[in-house]
Amino acid sequence: NVRAAALEQSVVLNISADLPFAAARFCETEGIDGVEALSMMRDR
């Protein structure tokens, strides 16, 4: 979030098995706004 999020024409995808609700709560609590959280919830 700190190191890569400001790079132009780039996206940082944080991929985990976490439920989207938990990932959203984590990002909000931690102030993570430069990384997009993605979940394997529907498909491994």
PDB file of all heavy atoms in Angstrom:
ATOM      1  N   ASN A   1       0.829  -1.195   0.000  1.00  0.00           N
ATOM      2  CA  ASN A   1       0.000   0.000   0.000  1.00  0.00           C
ATOM      3  C   ASN A   1       0.868   1.251   0.000  1.00  0.00           C
ATOM      4  O   ASN A   1       0.610   2.197  -0.739  1.00  0.00           O
ATOM      5  CB  ASN A   1      -0.927  -0.003   1.215  1.00  0.00           C
ATOM      6  CG  ASN A   1      -1.916   1.130   1.187  1.00  0.00           C
ATOM      7  OD1 ASN A   1      -2.707   1.249   0.265  1.00  0.00           O
ATOM      8  ND2 ASN A   1      -1.865   1.983   2.197  1.00  0.00           N
ATOM      9  N   VAL A   2       1.916   1.244   0.794  1.00  0.00           N
ATOM     10  CA  VAL A   2       2.799   2.403   0.894  1.00  0.00           C
ATOM     11  C   VAL A   2       3.759   2.484  -0.287  1.00  0.00           C
ATOM     12  O   VAL A   2       3.948   3.546  -0.877  1.00  0.00           O
ATOM     13  CB  VAL A   2       3.616   2.345   2.211  1.00  0.00           C
ATOM     14  CG1 VAL A   2       4.702   3.395   2.242  1.00  0.00           C
ATOM     15  CG2 VAL A   2       2.684   2.493   3.403  1.00  0.00           C
ATOM     16  N   ARG A   3       4.350   1.371  -0.668  1.00  0.00           N
ATOM     17  CA  ARG A   3       5.439   1.375  -1.640  1.00  0.00           C
ATOM     18  C   ARG A   3       5.008   1.395  -3.099  1.00  0.00           C
ATOM     19  O   ARG A   3       5.693   1.973  -3.930  1.00  0.00           O
ATOM     20  CB  ARG A   3       6.333   0.162  -1.429  1.00  0.00           C
ATOM     21  CG  ARG A   3       7.036   0.156  -0.098  1.00  0.00           C
ATOM     22  CD  ARG A   3       7.837  -1.110   0.030  1.00  0.00           C
ATOM     23  NE  ARG A   3       8.492  -1.223   1.312  1.00  0.00           N
ATOM     24  CZ  ARG A   3       9.673  -1.787   1.472  1.00  0.00           C
ATOM     25  NH1 ARG A   3      10.309  -2.299   0.451  1.00  0.00           N
ATOM     26  NH2 ARG A   3      10.203  -1.871   2.669  1.00  0.00           N
ATOM     27  N   ALA A   4       3.930   0.732  -3.437  1.00  0.00           N
ATOM     28  CA  ALA A   4       3.604   0.558  -4.853  1.00  0.00           C
ATOM     29  C   ALA A   4       2.349   1.280  -5.300  1.00  0.00           C
ATOM     30  O   ALA A   4       2.152   1.478  -6.492  1.00  0.00           O
ATOM     31  CB  ALA A   4       3.461  -0.933  -5.159  1.00  0.00           C
ATOM     32  N   ALA A   5       1.523   1.655  -4.389  1.00  0.00           N
ATOM     33  CA  ALA A   5       0.210   2.184  -4.761  1.00  0.00           C
ATOM     34  C   ALA A   5       0.287   3.474  -5.575  1.00  0.00           C
ATOM     35  O   ALA A   5      -0.601   3.750  -6.371  1.00  0.00           O
ATOM     36  CB  ALA A   5      -0.632   2.389  -3.510  1.00  0.00           C
ATOM     37  N   ALA A   6       1.314   4.262  -5.409  1.00  0.00           N
ATOM     38  CA  ALA A   6       1.405   5.547  -6.103  1.00  0.00           C
ATOM     39  C   ALA A   6       1.995   5.430  -7.507  1.00  0.00           C
ATOM     40  O   ALA A   6       2.030   6.414  -8.239  1.00  0.00           O
ATOM     41  CB  ALA A   6       2.238   6.518  -5.277  1.00  0.00           C
ATOM     42  N   LEU A   7       2.450   4.259  -7.890  1.00  0.00           N
ATOM     43  CA  LEU A   7       3.051   4.101  -9.211  1.00  0.00           C
ATOM     44  C   LEU A   7       1.972   4.206 -10.290  1.00  0.00           C
ATOM     45  O   LEU A   7       0.915   3.585 -10.197  1.00  0.00           O
ATOM     46  CB  LEU A   7       3.774   2.758  -9.304  1.00  0.00           C
ATOM     47  CG  LEU A   7       4.962   2.609  -8.361  1.00  0.00           C
ATOM     48  CD1 LEU A   7       5.506   1.196  -8.408  1.00  0.00           C
ATOM     49  CD2 LEU A   7       6.058   3.610  -8.700  1.00  0.00           C
ATOM     50  N   GLU A   8       2.257   4.997 -11.313  1.00  0.00           N
ATOM     51  CA  GLU A   8       1.268   5.243 -12.364  1.00  0.00           C
ATOM     52  C   GLU A   8       1.059   4.016 -13.239  1.00  0.00           C
ATOM     53  O   GLU A   8       1.973   3.220 -13.444  1.00  0.00           O
ATOM     54  CB  GLU A   8       1.717   6.421 -13.217  1.00  0.00           C
ATOM     55  CG  GLU A   8       1.701   7.738 -12.455  1.00  0.00           C
ATOM     56  CD  GLU A   8       2.047   8.908 -13.340  1.00  0.00           C
ATOM     57  OE1 GLU A   8       1.865   8.822 -14.559  1.00  0.00           O
ATOM     58  OE2 GLU A   8       2.502   9.915 -12.786  1.00  0.00           O
ATOM     59  N   GLN A   9      -0.157   3.887 -13.742  1.00  0.00           N
ATOM     60  CA  GLN A   9      -0.542   2.799 -14.646  1.00  0.00           C
ATOM     61  C   GLN A   9      -0.255   1.425 -14.052  1.00  0.00           C
ATOM     62  O   GLN A   9       0.091   0.485 -14.764  1.00  0.00           O
ATOM     63  CB  GLN A   9       0.144   2.950 -16.004  1.00  0.00           C
ATOM     64  CG  GLN A   9      -0.313   4.172 -16.770  1.00  0.00           C
ATOM     65  CD  GLN A   9      -1.811   4.126 -17.059  1.00  0.00           C
ATOM     66  OE1 GLN A   9      -2.313   3.161 -17.604  1.00  0.00           O
ATOM     67  NE2 GLN A   9      -2.530   5.170 -16.674  1.00  0.00           N
ATOM     68  N   SER A  10      -0.376   1.339 -12.743  1.00  0.00           N
ATOM     69  CA  SER A  10      -0.131   0.085 -12.034  1.00  0.00           C
ATOM     70  C   SER A  10      -1.264  -0.167 -11.051  1.00  0.00           C
ATOM     71  O   SER A  10      -1.899   0.767 -10.573  1.00  0.00           O
ATOM     72  CB  SER A  10       1.191   0.141 -11.257  1.00  0.00           C
ATOM     73  OG  SER A  10       2.270   0.359 -12.130  1.00  0.00           O
ATOM     74  N   VAL A  11      -1.466  -1.425 -10.754  1.00  0.00           N
ATOM     75  CA  VAL A  11      -2.457  -1.803  -9.760  1.00  0.00           C
ATOM     76  C   VAL A  11      -1.852  -2.901  -8.897  1.00  0.00           C
ATOM     77  O   VAL A  11      -1.120  -3.761  -9.396  1.00  0.00           O
ATOM     78  CB  VAL A  11      -3.782  -2.258 -10.427  1.00  0.00           C
ATOM     79  CG1 VAL A  11      -3.578  -3.465 -11.301  1.00  0.00           C
ATOM     80  CG2 VAL A  11      -4.855  -2.495  -9.402  1.00  0.00           C
ATOM     81  N   VAL A  12      -2.105  -2.823  -7.607  1.00  0.00           N
ATOM     82  CA  VAL A  12      -1.663  -3.855  -6.681  1.00  0.00           C
ATOM     83  C   VAL A  12      -2.894  -4.627  -6.241  1.00  0.00           C
ATOM     84  O   VAL A  12      -3.847  -4.047  -5.699  1.00  0.00           O
ATOM     85  CB  VAL A  12      -0.939  -3.265  -5.450  1.00  0.00           C
ATOM     86  CG1 VAL A  12      -0.513  -4.387  -4.505  1.00  0.00           C
ATOM     87  CG2 VAL A  12       0.268  -2.435  -5.878  1.00  0.00           C
ATOM     88  N   LEU A  13      -2.890  -5.927  -6.495  1.00  0.00           N
ATOM     89  CA  LEU A  13      -4.004  -6.798  -6.151  1.00  0.00           C
ATOM     90  C   LEU A  13      -3.572  -7.715  -5.026  1.00  0.00           C
ATOM     91  O   LEU A  13      -2.610  -8.479  -5.181  1.00  0.00           O
ATOM     92  CB  LEU A  13      -4.431  -7.616  -7.371  1.00  0.00           C
ATOM     93  CG  LEU A  13      -4.731  -6.804  -8.637  1.00  0.00           C
ATOM     94  CD1 LEU A  13      -5.009  -7.722  -9.810  1.00  0.00           C
ATOM     95  CD2 LEU A  13      -5.877  -5.839  -8.392  1.00  0.00           C
ATOM     96  N   ASN A  14      -4.241  -7.622  -3.903  1.00  0.00           N
ATOM     97  CA  ASN A  14      -3.962  -8.498  -2.770  1.00  0.00           C
ATOM     98  C   ASN A  14      -4.984  -9.631  -2.822  1.00  0.00           C
ATOM     99  O   ASN A  14      -6.176  -9.411  -2.640  1.00  0.00           O
ATOM    100  CB  ASN A  14      -4.084  -7.732  -1.452  1.00  0.00           C
ATOM    101  CG  ASN A  14      -3.457  -8.498  -0.318  1.00  0.00           C
ATOM    102  OD1 ASN A  14      -2.331  -8.245   0.058  1.00  0.00           O
ATOM    103  ND2 ASN A  14      -4.180  -9.468   0.216  1.00  0.00           N
ATOM    104  N   ILE A  15      -4.514 -10.827  -3.099  1.00  0.00           N
ATOM    105  CA  ILE A  15      -5.397 -11.965  -3.346  1.00  0.00           C
ATOM    106  C   ILE A  15      -5.284 -12.955  -2.194  1.00  0.00           C
ATOM    107  O   ILE A  15      -4.190 -13.384  -1.840  1.00  0.00           O
ATOM    108  CB  ILE A  15      -5.028 -12.637  -4.680  1.00  0.00           C
ATOM    109  CG1 ILE A  15      -5.135 -11.612  -5.822  1.00  0.00           C
ATOM    110  CG2 ILE A  15      -5.920 -13.856  -4.934  1.00  0.00           C
ATOM    111  CD1 ILE A  15      -4.489 -12.037  -7.112  1.00  0.00           C
ATOM    112  N   SER A  16      -6.456 -13.303  -1.621  1.00  0.00           N
ATOM    113  CA  SER A  16      -6.476 -14.235  -0.495  1.00  0.00           C
ATOM    114  C   SER A  16      -7.775 -15.026  -0.517  1.00  0.00           C
ATOM    115  O   SER A  16      -8.650 -14.789  -1.338  1.00  0.00           O
ATOM    116  CB  SER A  16      -6.360 -13.481   0.833  1.00  0.00           C
ATOM    117  OG  SER A  16      -7.567 -12.792   1.115  1.00  0.00           O
ATOM    118  N   ALA A  17      -7.893 -15.933   0.426  1.00  0.00           N
ATOM    119  CA  ALA A  17      -9.125 -16.701   0.590  1.00  0.00           C
ATOM    120  C   ALA A  17     -10.095 -15.996   1.539  1.00  0.00           C
ATOM    121  O   ALA A  17     -11.184 -16.496   1.784  1.00  0.00           O
ATOM    122  CB  ALA A  17      -8.813 -18.106   1.115  1.00  0.00           C
ATOM    123  N   ASP A  18      -9.716 -14.838   2.040  1.00  0.00           N
ATOM    124  CA  ASP A  18     -10.588 -14.109   2.965  1.00  0.00           C
ATOM    125  C   ASP A  18     -11.915 -13.761   2.306  1.00  0.00           C
ATOM    126  O   ASP A  18     -11.968 -13.470   1.106  1.00  0.00           O
ATOM    127  CB  ASP A  18      -9.913 -12.808   3.419  1.00  0.00           C
ATOM    128  CG  ASP A  18      -8.690 -13.052   4.259  1.00  0.00           C
ATOM    129  OD1 ASP A  18      -8.794 -13.828   5.227  1.00  0.00           O
ATOM    130  OD2 ASP A  18      -7.637 -12.471   3.953  1.00  0.00           O
ATOM    131  N   LEU A  19     -12.970 -13.751   3.088  1.00  0.00           N
ATOM    132  CA  LEU A  19     -14.252 -13.283   2.582  1.00  0.00           C
ATOM    133  C   LEU A  19     -14.137 -11.801   2.234  1.00  0.00           C
ATOM    134  O   LEU A  19     -13.405 -11.055   2.898  1.00  0.00           O
ATOM    135  CB  LEU A  19     -15.347 -13.483   3.620  1.00  0.00           C
ATOM    136  CG  LEU A  19     -15.733 -14.926   3.907  1.00  0.00           C
ATOM    137  CD1 LEU A  19     -16.760 -14.984   5.034  1.00  0.00           C
ATOM    138  CD2 LEU A  19     -16.272 -15.602   2.660  1.00  0.00           C
ATOM    139  N   PRO A  20     -14.820 -11.346   1.214  1.00  0.00           N
ATOM    140  CA  PRO A  20     -14.749  -9.936   0.840  1.00  0.00           C
ATOM    141  C   PRO A  20     -15.098  -8.993   1.986  1.00  0.00           C
ATOM    142  O   PRO A  20     -14.502  -7.924   2.109  1.00  0.00           O
ATOM    143  CB  PRO A  20     -15.776  -9.819  -0.297  1.00  0.00           C
ATOM    144  CG  PRO A  20     -15.807 -11.186  -0.899  1.00  0.00           C
ATOM    145  CD  PRO A  20     -15.631 -12.125   0.266  1.00  0.00           C
ATOM    146  N   PHE A  21     -16.025  -9.393   2.856  1.00  0.00           N
ATOM    147  CA  PHE A  21     -16.407  -8.546   3.989  1.00  0.00           C
ATOM    148  C   PHE A  21     -15.225  -8.346   4.936  1.00  0.00           C
ATOM    149  O   PHE A  21     -14.973  -7.233   5.405  1.00  0.00           O
ATOM    150  CB  PHE A  21     -17.564  -9.175   4.771  1.00  0.00           C
ATOM    151  CG  PHE A  21     -18.655  -9.724   3.893  1.00  0.00           C
ATOM    152  CD1 PHE A  21     -18.840 -11.093   3.795  1.00  0.00           C
ATOM    153  CD2 PHE A  21     -19.473  -8.885   3.157  1.00  0.00           C
ATOM    154  CE1 PHE A  21     -19.842 -11.603   2.984  1.00  0.00           C
ATOM    155  CE2 PHE A  21     -20.473  -9.386   2.347  1.00  0.00           C
ATOM    156  CZ  PHE A  21     -20.656 -10.758   2.256  1.00  0.00           C
ATOM    157  N   ALA A  22     -14.516  -9.411   5.216  1.00  0.00           N
ATOM    158  CA  ALA A  22     -13.359  -9.334   6.111  1.00  0.00           C
ATOM    159  C   ALA A  22     -12.244  -8.513   5.470  1.00  0.00           C
ATOM    160  O   ALA A  22     -11.589  -7.711   6.140  1.00  0.00           O
ATOM    161  CB  ALA A  22     -12.862 -10.738   6.463  1.00  0.00           C
ATOM    162  N   ALA A  23     -12.014  -8.706   4.171  1.00  0.00           N
ATOM    163  CA  ALA A  23     -10.978  -7.942   3.472  1.00  0.00           C
ATOM    164  C   ALA A  23     -11.321  -6.451   3.479  1.00  0.00           C
ATOM    165  O   ALA A  23     -10.443  -5.608   3.700  1.00  0.00           O
ATOM    166  CB  ALA A  23     -10.812  -8.465   2.056  1.00  0.00           C
ATOM    167  N   ALA A  24     -12.583  -6.121   3.239  1.00  0.00           N
ATOM    168  CA  ALA A  24     -13.002  -4.717   3.255  1.00  0.00           C
ATOM    169  C   ALA A  24     -12.804  -4.108   4.635  1.00  0.00           C
ATOM    170  O   ALA A  24     -12.321  -2.975   4.769  1.00  0.00           O
ATOM    171  CB  ALA A  24     -14.464  -4.596   2.824  1.00  0.00           C
ATOM    172  N   ARG A  25     -13.169  -4.844   5.670  1.00  0.00           N
ATOM    173  CA  ARG A  25     -13.007  -4.363   7.046  1.00  0.00           C
ATOM    174  C   ARG A  25     -11.523  -4.150   7.358  1.00  0.00           C
ATOM    175  O   ARG A  25     -11.136  -3.140   7.946  1.00  0.00           O
ATOM    176  CB  ARG A  25     -13.640  -5.348   8.018  1.00  0.00           C
ATOM    177  CG  ARG A  25     -13.676  -4.870   9.448  1.00  0.00           C
ATOM    178  CD  ARG A  25     -14.485  -5.780  10.374  1.00  0.00           C
ATOM    179  NE  ARG A  25     -14.168  -7.201  10.230  1.00  0.00           N
ATOM    180  CZ  ARG A  25     -14.972  -8.113   9.663  1.00  0.00           C
ATOM    181  NH1 ARG A  25     -16.150  -7.773   9.193  1.00  0.00           N
ATOM    182  NH2 ARG A  25     -14.604  -9.370   9.582  1.00  0.00           N
ATOM    183  N   PHE A  26     -10.674  -5.093   6.951  1.00  0.00           N
ATOM    184  CA  PHE A  26      -9.232  -4.963   7.163  1.00  0.00           C
ATOM    185  C   PHE A  26      -8.719  -3.690   6.481  1.00  0.00           C
ATOM    186  O   PHE A  26      -8.007  -2.899   7.099  1.00  0.00           O
ATOM    187  CB  PHE A  26      -8.494  -6.193   6.633  1.00  0.00           C
ATOM    188  CG  PHE A  26      -7.009  -6.005   6.587  1.00  0.00           C
ATOM    189  CD1 PHE A  26      -6.233  -6.203   7.714  1.00  0.00           C
ATOM    190  CD2 PHE A  26      -6.385  -5.605   5.417  1.00  0.00           C
ATOM    191  CE1 PHE A  26      -4.861  -6.004   7.671  1.00  0.00           C
ATOM    192  CE2 PHE A  26      -5.013  -5.412   5.362  1.00  0.00           C
ATOM    193  CZ  PHE A  26      -4.247  -5.607   6.503  1.00  0.00           C
ATOM    194  N   CYS A  27      -9.061  -3.516   5.208  1.00  0.00           N
ATOM    195  CA  CYS A  27      -8.564  -2.359   4.463  1.00  0.00           C
ATOM    196  C   CYS A  27      -9.041  -1.045   5.095  1.00  0.00           C
ATOM    197  O   CYS A  27      -8.264  -0.091   5.196  1.00  0.00           O
ATOM    198  CB  CYS A  27      -8.991  -2.444   2.995  1.00  0.00           C
ATOM    199  SG  CYS A  27      -8.145  -3.761   2.081  1.00  0.00           S
ATOM    200  N   GLU A  28     -10.274  -1.008   5.529  1.00  0.00           N
ATOM    201  CA  GLU A  28     -10.796   0.203   6.157  1.00  0.00           C
ATOM    202  C   GLU A  28     -10.085   0.476   7.485  1.00  0.00           C
ATOM    203  O   GLU A  28      -9.645   1.594   7.748  1.00  0.00           O
ATOM    204  CB  GLU A  28     -12.300   0.069   6.391  1.00  0.00           C
ATOM    205  CG  GLU A  28     -12.908   1.321   6.980  1.00  0.00           C
ATOM    206  CD  GLU A  28     -14.412   1.210   7.157  1.00  0.00           C
ATOM    207  OE1 GLU A  28     -15.073   0.512   6.373  1.00  0.00           O
ATOM    208  OE2 GLU A  28     -14.913   1.830   8.113  1.00  0.00           O
ATOM    209  N   THR A  29      -9.954  -0.533   8.313  1.00  0.00           N
ATOM    210  CA  THR A  29      -9.306  -0.383   9.620  1.00  0.00           C
ATOM    211  C   THR A  29      -7.849   0.032   9.480  1.00  0.00           C
ATOM    212  O   THR A  29      -7.359   0.864  10.238  1.00  0.00           O
ATOM    213  CB  THR A  29      -9.390  -1.706  10.413  1.00  0.00           C
ATOM    214  OG1 THR A  29     -10.760  -2.039  10.585  1.00  0.00           O
ATOM    215  CG2 THR A  29      -8.714  -1.596  11.761  1.00  0.00           C
ATOM    216  N   GLU A  30      -7.157  -0.548   8.493  1.00  0.00           N
ATOM    217  CA  GLU A  30      -5.723  -0.292   8.318  1.00  0.00           C
ATOM    218  C   GLU A  30      -5.421   0.912   7.424  1.00  0.00           C
ATOM    219  O   GLU A  30      -4.258   1.241   7.224  1.00  0.00           O
ATOM    220  CB  GLU A  30      -5.051  -1.542   7.716  1.00  0.00           C
ATOM    221  CG  GLU A  30      -5.076  -2.741   8.626  1.00  0.00           C
ATOM    222  CD  GLU A  30      -4.172  -2.591   9.833  1.00  0.00           C
ATOM    223  OE1 GLU A  30      -3.147  -1.875   9.750  1.00  0.00           O
ATOM    224  OE2 GLU A  30      -4.493  -3.184  10.872  1.00  0.00           O
ATOM    225  N   GLY A  31      -6.444   1.517   6.835  1.00  0.00           N
ATOM    226  CA  GLY A  31      -6.221   2.645   5.934  1.00  0.00           C
ATOM    227  C   GLY A  31      -5.591   2.230   4.618  1.00  0.00           C
ATOM    228  O   GLY A  31      -4.854   3.004   4.007  1.00  0.00           O
ATOM    229  N   ILE A  32      -5.884   1.033   4.183  1.00  0.00           N
ATOM    230  CA  ILE A  32      -5.336   0.510   2.925  1.00  0.00           C
ATOM    231  C   ILE A  32      -6.245   0.996   1.797  1.00  0.00           C
ATOM    232  O   ILE A  32      -7.367   0.529   1.646  1.00  0.00           O
ATOM    233  CB  ILE A  32      -5.288  -1.040   2.925  1.00  0.00           C
ATOM    234  CG1 ILE A  32      -4.558  -1.571   4.137  1.00  0.00           C
ATOM    235  CG2 ILE A  32      -4.749  -1.563   1.607  1.00  0.00           C
ATOM    236  CD1 ILE A  32      -3.086  -1.594   4.073  1.00  0.00           C
ATOM    237  N   ASP A  33      -5.737   1.931   1.002  1.00  0.00           N
ATOM    238  CA  ASP A  33      -6.544   2.437  -0.105  1.00  0.00           C
ATOM    239  C   ASP A  33      -5.833   2.355  -1.443  1.00  0.00           C
ATOM    240  O   ASP A  33      -6.402   2.698  -2.472  1.00  0.00           O
ATOM    241  CB  ASP A  33      -6.995   3.862   0.172  1.00  0.00           C
ATOM    242  CG  ASP A  33      -5.833   4.807   0.413  1.00  0.00           C
ATOM    243  OD1 ASP A  33      -4.661   4.406   0.269  1.00  0.00           O
ATOM    244  OD2 ASP A  33      -6.092   5.972   0.757  1.00  0.00           O
ATOM    245  N   GLY A  34      -4.595   1.886  -1.445  1.00  0.00           N
ATOM    246  CA  GLY A  34      -3.832   1.772  -2.683  1.00  0.00           C
ATOM    247  C   GLY A  34      -3.673   0.339  -3.148  1.00  0.00           C
ATOM    248  O   GLY A  34      -2.958   0.084  -4.113  1.00  0.00           O
ATOM    249  N   VAL A  35      -4.306  -0.575  -2.460  1.00  0.00           N
ATOM    250  CA  VAL A  35      -4.249  -1.991  -2.803  1.00  0.00           C
ATOM    251  C   VAL A  35      -5.681  -2.480  -2.918  1.00  0.00           C
ATOM    252  O   VAL A  35      -6.517  -2.165  -2.068  1.00  0.00           O
ATOM    253  CB  VAL A  35      -3.501  -2.792  -1.710  1.00  0.00           C
ATOM    254  CG1 VAL A  35      -3.598  -4.280  -1.942  1.00  0.00           C
ATOM    255  CG2 VAL A  35      -2.038  -2.354  -1.642  1.00  0.00           C
ATOM    256  N   GLU A  36      -5.979  -3.233  -3.967  1.00  0.00           N
ATOM    257  CA  GLU A  36      -7.317  -3.786  -4.127  1.00  0.00           C
ATOM    258  C   GLU A  36      -7.341  -5.212  -3.587  1.00  0.00           C
ATOM    259  O   GLU A  36      -6.561  -6.061  -4.018  1.00  0.00           O
ATOM    260  CB  GLU A  36      -7.720  -3.782  -5.598  1.00  0.00           C
ATOM    261  CG  GLU A  36      -9.142  -4.236  -5.806  1.00  0.00           C
ATOM    262  CD  GLU A  36      -9.622  -4.103  -7.233  1.00  0.00           C
ATOM    263  OE1 GLU A  36      -8.926  -3.477  -8.064  1.00  0.00           O
ATOM    264  OE2 GLU A  36     -10.705  -4.633  -7.512  1.00  0.00           O
ATOM    265  N   ALA A  37      -8.223  -5.459  -2.643  1.00  0.00           N
ATOM    266  CA  ALA A  37      -8.350  -6.793  -2.049  1.00  0.00           C
ATOM    267  C   ALA A  37      -9.295  -7.636  -2.899  1.00  0.00           C
ATOM    268  O   ALA A  37     -10.408  -7.207  -3.210  1.00  0.00           O
ATOM    269  CB  ALA A  37      -8.873  -6.688  -0.628  1.00  0.00           C
ATOM    270  N   LEU A  38      -8.843  -8.830  -3.267  1.00  0.00           N
ATOM    271  CA  LEU A  38      -9.636  -9.764  -4.049  1.00  0.00           C
ATOM    272  C   LEU A  38      -9.715 -11.094  -3.321  1.00  0.00           C
ATOM    273  O   LEU A  38      -8.749 -11.520  -2.684  1.00  0.00           O
ATOM    274  CB  LEU A  38      -9.038  -9.970  -5.440  1.00  0.00           C
ATOM    275  CG  LEU A  38      -8.924  -8.722  -6.315  1.00  0.00           C
ATOM    276  CD1 LEU A  38      -8.222  -9.058  -7.631  1.00  0.00           C
ATOM    277  CD2 LEU A  38     -10.280  -8.096  -6.567  1.00  0.00           C
ATOM    278  N   SER A  39     -10.850 -11.759  -3.455  1.00  0.00           N
ATOM    279  CA  SER A  39     -11.112 -13.000  -2.734  1.00  0.00           C
ATOM    280  C   SER A  39     -11.319 -14.177  -3.674  1.00  0.00           C
ATOM    281  O   SER A  39     -11.903 -14.034  -4.749  1.00  0.00           O
ATOM    282  CB  SER A  39     -12.370 -12.814  -1.880  1.00  0.00           C
ATOM    283  OG  SER A  39     -12.762 -14.032  -1.289  1.00  0.00           O
ATOM    284  N   MET A  40     -10.885 -15.347  -3.215  1.00  0.00           N
ATOM    285  CA  MET A  40     -11.149 -16.606  -3.909  1.00  0.00           C
ATOM    286  C   MET A  40     -12.441 -17.232  -3.397  1.00  0.00           C
ATOM    287  O   MET A  40     -12.677 -18.417  -3.577  1.00  0.00           O
ATOM    288  CB  MET A  40      -9.998 -17.591  -3.689  1.00  0.00           C
ATOM    289  CG  MET A  40      -8.667 -17.131  -4.208  1.00  0.00           C
ATOM    290  SD  MET A  40      -7.388 -18.397  -4.057  1.00  0.00           S
ATOM    291  CE  MET A  40      -7.551 -18.924  -2.354  1.00  0.00           C
ATOM    292  N   MET A  41     -13.301 -16.443  -2.788  1.00  0.00           N
ATOM    293  CA  MET A  41     -14.509 -16.919  -2.132  1.00  0.00           C
ATOM    294  C   MET A  41     -15.330 -17.869  -3.005  1.00  0.00           C
ATOM    295  O   MET A  41     -15.785 -18.901  -2.533  1.00  0.00           O
ATOM    296  CB  MET A  41     -15.380 -15.724  -1.734  1.00  0.00           C
ATOM    297  CG  MET A  41     -16.733 -16.091  -1.172  1.00  0.00           C
ATOM    298  SD  MET A  41     -17.724 -14.636  -0.775  1.00  0.00           S
ATOM    299  CE  MET A  41     -18.417 -14.241  -2.361  1.00  0.00           C
ATOM    300  N   ARG A  42     -15.514 -17.549  -4.258  1.00  0.00           N
ATOM    301  CA  ARG A  42     -16.397 -18.329  -5.125  1.00  0.00           C
ATOM    302  C   ARG A  42     -15.698 -19.447  -5.867  1.00  0.00           C
ATOM    303  O   ARG A  42     -16.361 -20.328  -6.417  1.00  0.00           O
ATOM    304  CB  ARG A  42     -17.071 -17.404  -6.132  1.00  0.00           C
ATOM    305  CG  ARG A  42     -18.021 -16.436  -5.480  1.00  0.00           C
ATOM    306  CD  ARG A  42     -18.849 -15.684  -6.514  1.00  0.00           C
ATOM    307  NE  ARG A  42     -19.799 -14.841  -5.817  1.00  0.00           N
ATOM    308  CZ  ARG A  42     -19.803 -13.512  -5.904  1.00  0.00           C
ATOM    309  NH1 ARG A  42     -18.951 -12.889  -6.676  1.00  0.00           N
ATOM    310  NH2 ARG A  42     -20.693 -12.825  -5.217  1.00  0.00           N
ATOM    311  N   ASP A  43     -14.376 -19.404  -5.923  1.00  0.00           N
ATOM    312  CA  ASP A  43     -13.684 -20.351  -6.793  1.00  0.00           C
ATOM    313  C   ASP A  43     -12.208 -20.443  -6.411  1.00  0.00           C
ATOM    314  O   ASP A  43     -11.519 -19.435  -6.399  1.00  0.00           O
ATOM    315  CB  ASP A  43     -13.836 -19.866  -8.239  1.00  0.00           C
ATOM    316  CG  ASP A  43     -13.374 -20.860  -9.266  1.00  0.00           C
ATOM    317  OD1 ASP A  43     -12.804 -21.899  -8.900  1.00  0.00           O
ATOM    318  OD2 ASP A  43     -13.585 -20.588 -10.462  1.00  0.00           O
ATOM    319  N   ARG A  44     -11.748 -21.643  -6.121  1.00  0.00           N
ATOM    320  CA  ARG A  44     -10.339 -21.846  -5.763  1.00  0.00           C
ATOM    321  C   ARG A  44      -9.467 -22.132  -6.995  1.00  0.00           C
ATOM    322  O   ARG A  44      -8.295 -22.432  -6.872  1.00  0.00           O
ATOM    323  CB  ARG A  44     -10.190 -23.013  -4.776  1.00  0.00           C
ATOM    324  CG  ARG A  44     -10.802 -22.777  -3.401  1.00  0.00           C
ATOM    325  CD  ARG A  44      -9.941 -21.842  -2.590  1.00  0.00           C
ATOM    326  NE  ARG A  44     -10.252 -21.890  -1.184  1.00  0.00           N
ATOM    327  CZ  ARG A  44     -11.041 -21.026  -0.567  1.00  0.00           C
ATOM    328  NH1 ARG A  44     -11.617 -20.066  -1.230  1.00  0.00           N
ATOM    329  NH2 ARG A  44     -11.245 -21.122   0.723  1.00  0.00           N
TER     330      ARG A  44
END
